Amino acid sequence: MTAHTSPARTGFAATLTQKVALLFGVVFLLVGIAGFIPGLTMDMGSMSMAGHGSMALLVGVFQVSVLHNIVHLLFGVVGLIAARSHVGSRNYLVFGGIVYFVVFIYGLFTAGMATGANFVPLNTADNVLHFILAVAMVVLGLVVPRIGARTAR
């Protein structure tokens, strides 16, 4: 049986695709937690629930809010759950990448703007990272299952 034709539930991180999804899930969880830790997040006193007014900066670079951090935590939890199956992992990477591409486009129009549309504070660094995440997740979601299938033969 090859990795891409394995049963829906193959165990936690059994295939290369599942390991990649698990890695993304863990990283998103860590980023979400880091967004609430003073020292890792600068200007914690200016962090708001949501909106452009939050001037808190994760590692002094990425603009965050409580909502932004919660989204990272939830994305991480979804990654951990998705990593339990090969198909779930592939879908998490591909569709998660598409979500991040939409967030990138959203950020192009709202980053730095003091409008109600900017309910998730984003800056240029966030936009660059979201674009990189979008490309990486989609490519990994499409390529890694093929690599895993070849190495399983």
N, C-alpha and C. Protein backbone atom coordinates (compact mmCIF):
# COMPACT_ATOMS: atom_id res chain seq x y z
N MET A 1 0.85 -1.17 0.00
CA MET A 1 0.00 0.00 0.00
C MET A 1 0.89 1.24 0.00
N THR A 2 0.65 2.19 -0.87
CA THR A 2 1.45 3.41 -0.93
C THR A 2 0.87 4.44 0.02
N ALA A 3 1.68 5.47 0.28
CA ALA A 3 1.28 6.50 1.25
C ALA A 3 0.03 7.24 0.82
N HIS A 4 -0.14 7.48 -0.47
CA HIS A 4 -1.29 8.27 -0.90
C HIS A 4 -2.57 7.45 -0.98
N THR A 5 -2.51 6.15 -0.88
CA THR A 5 -3.73 5.34 -0.92
C THR A 5 -4.01 4.69 0.43
N SER A 6 -3.34 5.19 1.47
CA SER A 6 -3.53 4.63 2.80
C SER A 6 -4.92 4.98 3.31
N PRO A 7 -5.40 4.24 4.30
CA PRO A 7 -6.72 4.52 4.85
C PRO A 7 -6.80 5.94 5.40
N ALA A 8 -8.03 6.42 5.56
CA ALA A 8 -8.25 7.78 6.03
C ALA A 8 -7.55 8.01 7.36
N ARG A 9 -7.58 7.04 8.25
CA ARG A 9 -6.92 7.17 9.55
C ARG A 9 -5.70 6.26 9.57
N THR A 10 -4.53 6.84 9.42
CA THR A 10 -3.31 6.04 9.37
C THR A 10 -2.48 6.18 10.62
N GLY A 11 -2.93 6.93 11.59
CA GLY A 11 -2.13 7.17 12.78
C GLY A 11 -1.53 8.55 12.74
N PHE A 12 -1.05 8.98 13.89
CA PHE A 12 -0.55 10.34 14.01
C PHE A 12 0.77 10.49 13.28
N ALA A 13 0.80 11.31 12.25
CA ALA A 13 2.00 11.65 11.47
C ALA A 13 2.68 10.42 10.89
N ALA A 14 1.90 9.54 10.27
CA ALA A 14 2.44 8.32 9.68
C ALA A 14 3.07 8.56 8.32
N THR A 15 2.55 9.49 7.54
CA THR A 15 3.10 9.77 6.22
C THR A 15 3.87 11.08 6.25
N LEU A 16 4.66 11.31 5.22
CA LEU A 16 5.42 12.55 5.12
C LEU A 16 4.47 13.76 5.10
N THR A 17 3.34 13.64 4.42
CA THR A 17 2.36 14.72 4.37
C THR A 17 1.83 15.02 5.77
N GLN A 18 1.57 13.98 6.54
CA GLN A 18 1.09 14.17 7.91
C GLN A 18 2.16 14.84 8.77
N LYS A 19 3.41 14.49 8.56
CA LYS A 19 4.49 15.11 9.33
C LYS A 19 4.60 16.59 9.01
N VAL A 20 4.44 16.93 7.74
CA VAL A 20 4.50 18.34 7.34
C VAL A 20 3.32 19.11 7.95
N ALA A 21 2.13 18.55 7.89
CA ALA A 21 0.95 19.20 8.49
C ALA A 21 1.13 19.35 9.99
N LEU A 22 1.68 18.32 10.63
CA LEU A 22 1.95 18.38 12.07
C LEU A 22 2.93 19.50 12.39
N LEU A 23 3.97 19.62 11.58
CA LEU A 23 4.96 20.68 11.78
C LEU A 23 4.30 22.06 11.68
N PHE A 24 3.49 22.26 10.64
CA PHE A 24 2.79 23.54 10.49
C PHE A 24 1.86 23.79 11.68
N GLY A 25 1.15 22.76 12.10
CA GLY A 25 0.24 22.90 13.23
C GLY A 25 0.97 23.31 14.49
N VAL A 26 2.09 22.67 14.77
CA VAL A 26 2.88 23.00 15.96
C VAL A 26 3.42 24.42 15.88
N VAL A 27 3.92 24.80 14.71
CA VAL A 27 4.47 26.15 14.55
C VAL A 27 3.37 27.20 14.74
N PHE A 28 2.19 26.97 14.17
CA PHE A 28 1.09 27.92 14.36
C PHE A 28 0.70 28.02 15.83
N LEU A 29 0.68 26.89 16.53
CA LEU A 29 0.39 26.92 17.97
C LEU A 29 1.43 27.73 18.72
N LEU A 30 2.69 27.50 18.43
CA LEU A 30 3.76 28.24 19.09
C LEU A 30 3.68 29.74 18.81
N VAL A 31 3.38 30.09 17.57
CA VAL A 31 3.25 31.51 17.21
C VAL A 31 2.06 32.13 17.95
N GLY A 32 0.94 31.40 18.02
CA GLY A 32 -0.22 31.90 18.74
C GLY A 32 0.08 32.12 20.21
N ILE A 33 0.80 31.20 20.83
CA ILE A 33 1.18 31.35 22.24
C ILE A 33 2.16 32.50 22.40
N ALA A 34 3.16 32.57 21.52
CA ALA A 34 4.17 33.62 21.59
C ALA A 34 3.56 35.01 21.52
N GLY A 35 2.44 35.13 20.80
CA GLY A 35 1.78 36.42 20.68
C GLY A 35 1.23 36.96 21.99
N PHE A 36 1.16 36.11 23.01
CA PHE A 36 0.67 36.52 24.32
C PHE A 36 1.79 36.64 25.36
N ILE A 37 3.03 36.42 24.95
CA ILE A 37 4.15 36.43 25.90
C ILE A 37 4.91 37.75 25.80
N PRO A 38 4.88 38.52 26.91
CA PRO A 38 5.67 39.76 26.93
C PRO A 38 7.14 39.43 26.71
N GLY A 39 7.81 40.26 25.96
CA GLY A 39 9.20 40.01 25.62
C GLY A 39 9.30 39.44 24.21
N LEU A 40 8.46 38.46 23.91
CA LEU A 40 8.38 37.97 22.54
C LEU A 40 7.47 38.88 21.73
N THR A 41 6.51 39.48 22.42
CA THR A 41 5.61 40.45 21.78
C THR A 41 5.85 41.81 22.43
N MET A 42 6.27 42.76 21.62
CA MET A 42 6.56 44.11 22.10
C MET A 42 5.27 44.93 22.16
N ASP A 43 5.25 45.91 23.04
CA ASP A 43 4.12 46.82 23.20
C ASP A 43 2.83 46.06 23.54
N MET A 44 2.94 45.10 24.45
CA MET A 44 1.77 44.31 24.86
C MET A 44 0.63 45.19 25.37
N GLY A 45 0.99 46.32 25.97
CA GLY A 45 -0.03 47.23 26.50
C GLY A 45 -0.92 47.82 25.43
N SER A 46 -0.46 47.84 24.20
CA SER A 46 -1.27 48.40 23.12
C SER A 46 -2.07 47.33 22.39
N MET A 47 -1.93 46.06 22.83
CA MET A 47 -2.65 44.98 22.14
C MET A 47 -4.15 45.12 22.42
N SER A 48 -4.92 45.10 21.35
CA SER A 48 -6.37 45.16 21.48
C SER A 48 -6.96 43.82 21.05
N MET A 49 -8.25 43.67 21.28
CA MET A 49 -8.92 42.43 20.89
C MET A 49 -8.84 42.24 19.38
N ALA A 50 -9.09 43.29 18.64
CA ALA A 50 -9.05 43.25 17.18
C ALA A 50 -8.88 44.68 16.68
N GLY A 51 -8.69 44.82 15.40
CA GLY A 51 -8.64 46.15 14.80
C GLY A 51 -7.25 46.67 14.58
N HIS A 52 -7.21 47.73 13.80
CA HIS A 52 -5.94 48.34 13.38
C HIS A 52 -5.21 49.03 14.52
N GLY A 53 -5.90 49.30 15.63
CA GLY A 53 -5.30 50.02 16.75
C GLY A 53 -4.29 49.23 17.55
N SER A 54 -4.26 47.94 17.38
CA SER A 54 -3.32 47.11 18.12
C SER A 54 -1.92 47.33 17.55
N MET A 55 -1.04 47.85 18.36
CA MET A 55 0.33 48.11 17.90
C MET A 55 1.32 47.10 18.47
N ALA A 56 0.81 46.02 19.06
CA ALA A 56 1.69 44.97 19.58
C ALA A 56 2.40 44.30 18.40
N LEU A 57 3.68 44.00 18.59
CA LEU A 57 4.49 43.42 17.53
C LEU A 57 5.15 42.13 18.01
N LEU A 58 4.78 41.02 17.40
CA LEU A 58 5.41 39.73 17.69
C LEU A 58 6.85 39.79 17.20
N VAL A 59 7.78 39.46 18.06
CA VAL A 59 9.23 39.57 17.84
C VAL A 59 9.62 40.93 17.27
N GLY A 60 8.85 41.94 17.63
CA GLY A 60 9.14 43.30 17.20
C GLY A 60 8.89 43.58 15.74
N VAL A 61 8.23 42.63 15.02
CA VAL A 61 8.08 42.77 13.57
C VAL A 61 6.63 42.63 13.10
N PHE A 62 5.95 41.57 13.56
CA PHE A 62 4.63 41.22 13.04
C PHE A 62 3.52 41.78 13.93
N GLN A 63 2.66 42.62 13.34
CA GLN A 63 1.57 43.24 14.09
C GLN A 63 0.54 42.18 14.48
N VAL A 64 0.18 42.14 15.77
CA VAL A 64 -0.77 41.14 16.26
C VAL A 64 -1.81 41.76 17.17
N SER A 65 -2.90 41.04 17.34
CA SER A 65 -3.94 41.38 18.30
C SER A 65 -4.37 40.09 18.97
N VAL A 66 -5.27 40.19 19.92
CA VAL A 66 -5.80 38.99 20.56
C VAL A 66 -6.45 38.09 19.51
N LEU A 67 -7.27 38.67 18.64
CA LEU A 67 -7.92 37.91 17.59
C LEU A 67 -6.90 37.24 16.67
N HIS A 68 -5.89 37.97 16.28
CA HIS A 68 -4.84 37.44 15.40
C HIS A 68 -4.17 36.23 16.05
N ASN A 69 -3.84 36.35 17.35
CA ASN A 69 -3.21 35.24 18.07
C ASN A 69 -4.15 34.05 18.19
N ILE A 70 -5.42 34.30 18.44
CA ILE A 70 -6.39 33.21 18.54
C ILE A 70 -6.52 32.48 17.20
N VAL A 71 -6.51 33.23 16.11
CA VAL A 71 -6.56 32.61 14.78
C VAL A 71 -5.36 31.68 14.59
N HIS A 72 -4.17 32.13 15.01
CA HIS A 72 -2.98 31.27 14.90
C HIS A 72 -3.16 30.01 15.75
N LEU A 73 -3.68 30.16 16.96
CA LEU A 73 -3.91 29.00 17.82
C LEU A 73 -4.89 28.02 17.18
N LEU A 74 -5.99 28.55 16.64
CA LEU A 74 -6.99 27.69 16.01
C LEU A 74 -6.42 27.00 14.77
N PHE A 75 -5.64 27.74 13.98
CA PHE A 75 -5.02 27.16 12.79
C PHE A 75 -4.07 26.04 13.20
N GLY A 76 -3.39 26.22 14.32
CA GLY A 76 -2.51 25.18 14.84
C GLY A 76 -3.27 23.95 15.28
N VAL A 77 -4.37 24.14 15.98
CA VAL A 77 -5.20 23.01 16.43
C VAL A 77 -5.73 22.25 15.22
N VAL A 78 -6.19 22.97 14.21
CA VAL A 78 -6.68 22.31 12.99
C VAL A 78 -5.56 21.51 12.34
N GLY A 79 -4.35 22.04 12.34
CA GLY A 79 -3.20 21.32 11.79
C GLY A 79 -2.93 20.03 12.54
N LEU A 80 -3.02 20.07 13.87
CA LEU A 80 -2.81 18.85 14.67
C LEU A 80 -3.89 17.81 14.39
N ILE A 81 -5.11 18.27 14.27
CA ILE A 81 -6.22 17.35 13.97
C ILE A 81 -6.06 16.78 12.56
N ALA A 82 -5.72 17.64 11.61
CA ALA A 82 -5.56 17.20 10.22
C ALA A 82 -4.42 16.20 10.08
N ALA A 83 -3.39 16.34 10.92
CA ALA A 83 -2.23 15.46 10.84
C ALA A 83 -2.55 14.01 11.21
N ARG A 84 -3.74 13.77 11.68
CA ARG A 84 -4.13 12.40 12.03
C ARG A 84 -4.46 11.55 10.81
N SER A 85 -4.66 12.20 9.65
CA SER A 85 -4.91 11.43 8.43
C SER A 85 -4.15 12.04 7.26
N HIS A 86 -3.83 11.20 6.31
CA HIS A 86 -3.10 11.66 5.13
C HIS A 86 -3.93 12.66 4.33
N VAL A 87 -5.18 12.32 4.07
CA VAL A 87 -6.06 13.20 3.28
C VAL A 87 -6.30 14.51 4.02
N GLY A 88 -6.53 14.42 5.33
CA GLY A 88 -6.74 15.64 6.12
C GLY A 88 -5.52 16.54 6.08
N SER A 89 -4.35 15.93 6.13
CA SER A 89 -3.10 16.70 6.10
C SER A 89 -2.94 17.42 4.76
N ARG A 90 -3.19 16.69 3.68
CA ARG A 90 -3.09 17.29 2.35
C ARG A 90 -4.08 18.44 2.22
N ASN A 91 -5.31 18.21 2.65
CA ASN A 91 -6.34 19.26 2.56
C ASN A 91 -5.98 20.46 3.43
N TYR A 92 -5.46 20.22 4.62
CA TYR A 92 -5.04 21.31 5.51
C TYR A 92 -3.99 22.17 4.83
N LEU A 93 -3.01 21.54 4.22
CA LEU A 93 -1.94 22.30 3.57
C LEU A 93 -2.46 23.07 2.36
N VAL A 94 -3.22 22.42 1.51
CA VAL A 94 -3.70 23.08 0.29
C VAL A 94 -4.72 24.17 0.63
N PHE A 95 -5.76 23.82 1.36
CA PHE A 95 -6.80 24.81 1.65
C PHE A 95 -6.32 25.86 2.64
N GLY A 96 -5.45 25.46 3.57
CA GLY A 96 -4.84 26.45 4.47
C GLY A 96 -4.01 27.45 3.70
N GLY A 97 -3.28 26.96 2.69
CA GLY A 97 -2.50 27.86 1.84
C GLY A 97 -3.39 28.82 1.07
N ILE A 98 -4.52 28.32 0.61
CA ILE A 98 -5.47 29.18 -0.10
C ILE A 98 -6.02 30.24 0.86
N VAL A 99 -6.31 29.84 2.08
CA VAL A 99 -6.78 30.81 3.09
C VAL A 99 -5.72 31.88 3.30
N TYR A 100 -4.47 31.46 3.42
CA TYR A 100 -3.41 32.44 3.61
C TYR A 100 -3.21 33.33 2.38
N PHE A 101 -3.48 32.83 1.21
CA PHE A 101 -3.42 33.68 0.02
C PHE A 101 -4.52 34.74 0.08
N VAL A 102 -5.71 34.35 0.52
CA VAL A 102 -6.81 35.31 0.69
C VAL A 102 -6.44 36.35 1.75
N VAL A 103 -5.82 35.91 2.85
CA VAL A 103 -5.39 36.84 3.90
C VAL A 103 -4.33 37.78 3.35
N PHE A 104 -3.44 37.28 2.51
CA PHE A 104 -2.43 38.12 1.86
C PHE A 104 -3.10 39.21 1.02
N ILE A 105 -4.06 38.83 0.20
CA ILE A 105 -4.78 39.80 -0.64
C ILE A 105 -5.50 40.82 0.24
N TYR A 106 -6.17 40.33 1.28
CA TYR A 106 -6.84 41.20 2.25
C TYR A 106 -5.85 42.21 2.82
N GLY A 107 -4.68 41.71 3.20
CA GLY A 107 -3.66 42.57 3.78
C GLY A 107 -3.14 43.62 2.83
N LEU A 108 -3.09 43.29 1.54
CA LEU A 108 -2.64 44.28 0.56
C LEU A 108 -3.54 45.51 0.55
N PHE A 109 -4.83 45.28 0.80
CA PHE A 109 -5.78 46.39 0.75
C PHE A 109 -6.00 47.06 2.10
N THR A 110 -5.62 46.40 3.20
CA THR A 110 -5.95 46.96 4.52
C THR A 110 -4.74 47.27 5.39
N ALA A 111 -3.58 46.73 5.09
CA ALA A 111 -2.41 46.91 5.96
C ALA A 111 -2.13 48.38 6.20
N GLY A 112 -2.03 48.75 7.45
CA GLY A 112 -1.71 50.11 7.82
C GLY A 112 -2.86 51.10 7.72
N MET A 113 -4.01 50.65 7.25
CA MET A 113 -5.15 51.56 7.11
C MET A 113 -5.95 51.62 8.41
N ALA A 114 -6.38 52.79 8.76
CA ALA A 114 -7.19 52.98 9.96
C ALA A 114 -8.67 52.95 9.59
N THR A 115 -9.12 51.76 9.16
CA THR A 115 -10.52 51.59 8.78
C THR A 115 -11.10 50.38 9.49
N GLY A 116 -12.42 50.30 9.50
CA GLY A 116 -13.10 49.16 10.09
C GLY A 116 -12.81 47.87 9.34
N ALA A 117 -12.42 47.97 8.08
CA ALA A 117 -12.11 46.78 7.29
C ALA A 117 -10.84 46.10 7.79
N ASN A 118 -10.00 46.84 8.49
CA ASN A 118 -8.75 46.30 9.01
C ASN A 118 -8.99 45.75 10.41
N PHE A 119 -9.81 44.69 10.50
CA PHE A 119 -10.15 44.12 11.81
C PHE A 119 -9.09 43.16 12.33
N VAL A 120 -8.20 42.71 11.46
CA VAL A 120 -7.04 41.93 11.87
C VAL A 120 -5.83 42.80 11.55
N PRO A 121 -5.13 43.29 12.58
CA PRO A 121 -4.03 44.19 12.28
C PRO A 121 -2.94 43.48 11.48
N LEU A 122 -2.62 44.06 10.36
CA LEU A 122 -1.59 43.50 9.48
C LEU A 122 -0.65 44.61 9.05
N ASN A 123 0.61 44.27 8.96
CA ASN A 123 1.57 45.21 8.41
C ASN A 123 2.29 44.55 7.23
N THR A 124 3.25 45.23 6.65
CA THR A 124 3.94 44.70 5.48
C THR A 124 4.63 43.37 5.78
N ALA A 125 5.23 43.25 6.96
CA ALA A 125 5.90 42.00 7.33
C ALA A 125 4.89 40.85 7.37
N ASP A 126 3.69 41.11 7.92
CA ASP A 126 2.64 40.09 7.94
C ASP A 126 2.28 39.67 6.52
N ASN A 127 2.15 40.66 5.64
CA ASN A 127 1.76 40.36 4.25
C ASN A 127 2.81 39.48 3.56
N VAL A 128 4.07 39.80 3.74
CA VAL A 128 5.13 39.00 3.13
C VAL A 128 5.09 37.58 3.68
N LEU A 129 4.95 37.46 5.00
CA LEU A 129 4.89 36.13 5.61
C LEU A 129 3.66 35.36 5.14
N HIS A 130 2.52 36.01 5.03
CA HIS A 130 1.31 35.34 4.57
C HIS A 130 1.45 34.85 3.13
N PHE A 131 2.12 35.62 2.30
CA PHE A 131 2.36 35.17 0.92
C PHE A 131 3.27 33.95 0.90
N ILE A 132 4.35 33.99 1.69
CA ILE A 132 5.27 32.85 1.75
C ILE A 132 4.55 31.61 2.28
N LEU A 133 3.74 31.79 3.33
CA LEU A 133 2.96 30.66 3.87
C LEU A 133 2.00 30.10 2.82
N ALA A 134 1.34 30.99 2.10
CA ALA A 134 0.37 30.54 1.08
C ALA A 134 1.06 29.67 0.04
N VAL A 135 2.15 30.16 -0.50
CA VAL A 135 2.87 29.40 -1.53
C VAL A 135 3.42 28.10 -0.95
N ALA A 136 4.06 28.18 0.21
CA ALA A 136 4.68 26.99 0.81
C ALA A 136 3.64 25.92 1.11
N MET A 137 2.52 26.31 1.70
CA MET A 137 1.51 25.32 2.09
C MET A 137 0.89 24.65 0.87
N VAL A 138 0.53 25.44 -0.14
CA VAL A 138 -0.08 24.85 -1.34
C VAL A 138 0.91 23.94 -2.05
N VAL A 139 2.13 24.41 -2.24
CA VAL A 139 3.14 23.59 -2.93
C VAL A 139 3.40 22.31 -2.14
N LEU A 140 3.60 22.43 -0.83
CA LEU A 140 3.85 21.23 -0.02
C LEU A 140 2.66 20.30 -0.03
N GLY A 141 1.46 20.86 0.01
CA GLY A 141 0.25 20.03 -0.01
C GLY A 141 0.08 19.27 -1.32
N LEU A 142 0.62 19.81 -2.40
CA LEU A 142 0.51 19.14 -3.70
C LEU A 142 1.70 18.25 -4.02
N VAL A 143 2.89 18.64 -3.56
CA VAL A 143 4.11 17.92 -3.92
C VAL A 143 4.47 16.82 -2.93
N VAL A 144 4.37 17.08 -1.64
CA VAL A 144 4.80 16.11 -0.64
C VAL A 144 4.06 14.78 -0.75
N PRO A 145 2.73 14.77 -1.00
CA PRO A 145 2.09 13.45 -1.14
C PRO A 145 2.68 12.63 -2.29
N ARG A 146 3.12 13.28 -3.35
CA ARG A 146 3.73 12.57 -4.48
C ARG A 146 5.11 12.04 -4.10
N ILE A 147 5.87 12.86 -3.35
CA ILE A 147 7.19 12.42 -2.90
C ILE A 147 7.03 11.23 -1.96
N GLY A 148 6.09 11.35 -1.03
CA GLY A 148 5.83 10.26 -0.08
C GLY A 148 5.41 8.99 -0.78
N ALA A 149 4.62 9.10 -1.83
CA ALA A 149 4.16 7.91 -2.57
C ALA A 149 5.33 7.24 -3.27
N ARG A 150 6.25 8.08 -3.82
CA ARG A 150 7.42 7.51 -4.49
C ARG A 150 8.35 6.81 -3.54
N THR A 151 8.55 7.39 -2.34
CA THR A 151 9.47 6.78 -1.38
C THR A 151 8.87 5.56 -0.72
N ALA A 152 7.54 5.43 -0.73
CA ALA A 152 6.88 4.27 -0.13
C ALA A 152 6.93 3.05 -1.03
N ARG A 153 7.23 3.23 -2.28
CA ARG A 153 7.26 2.10 -3.24
C ARG A 153 8.46 1.22 -3.03
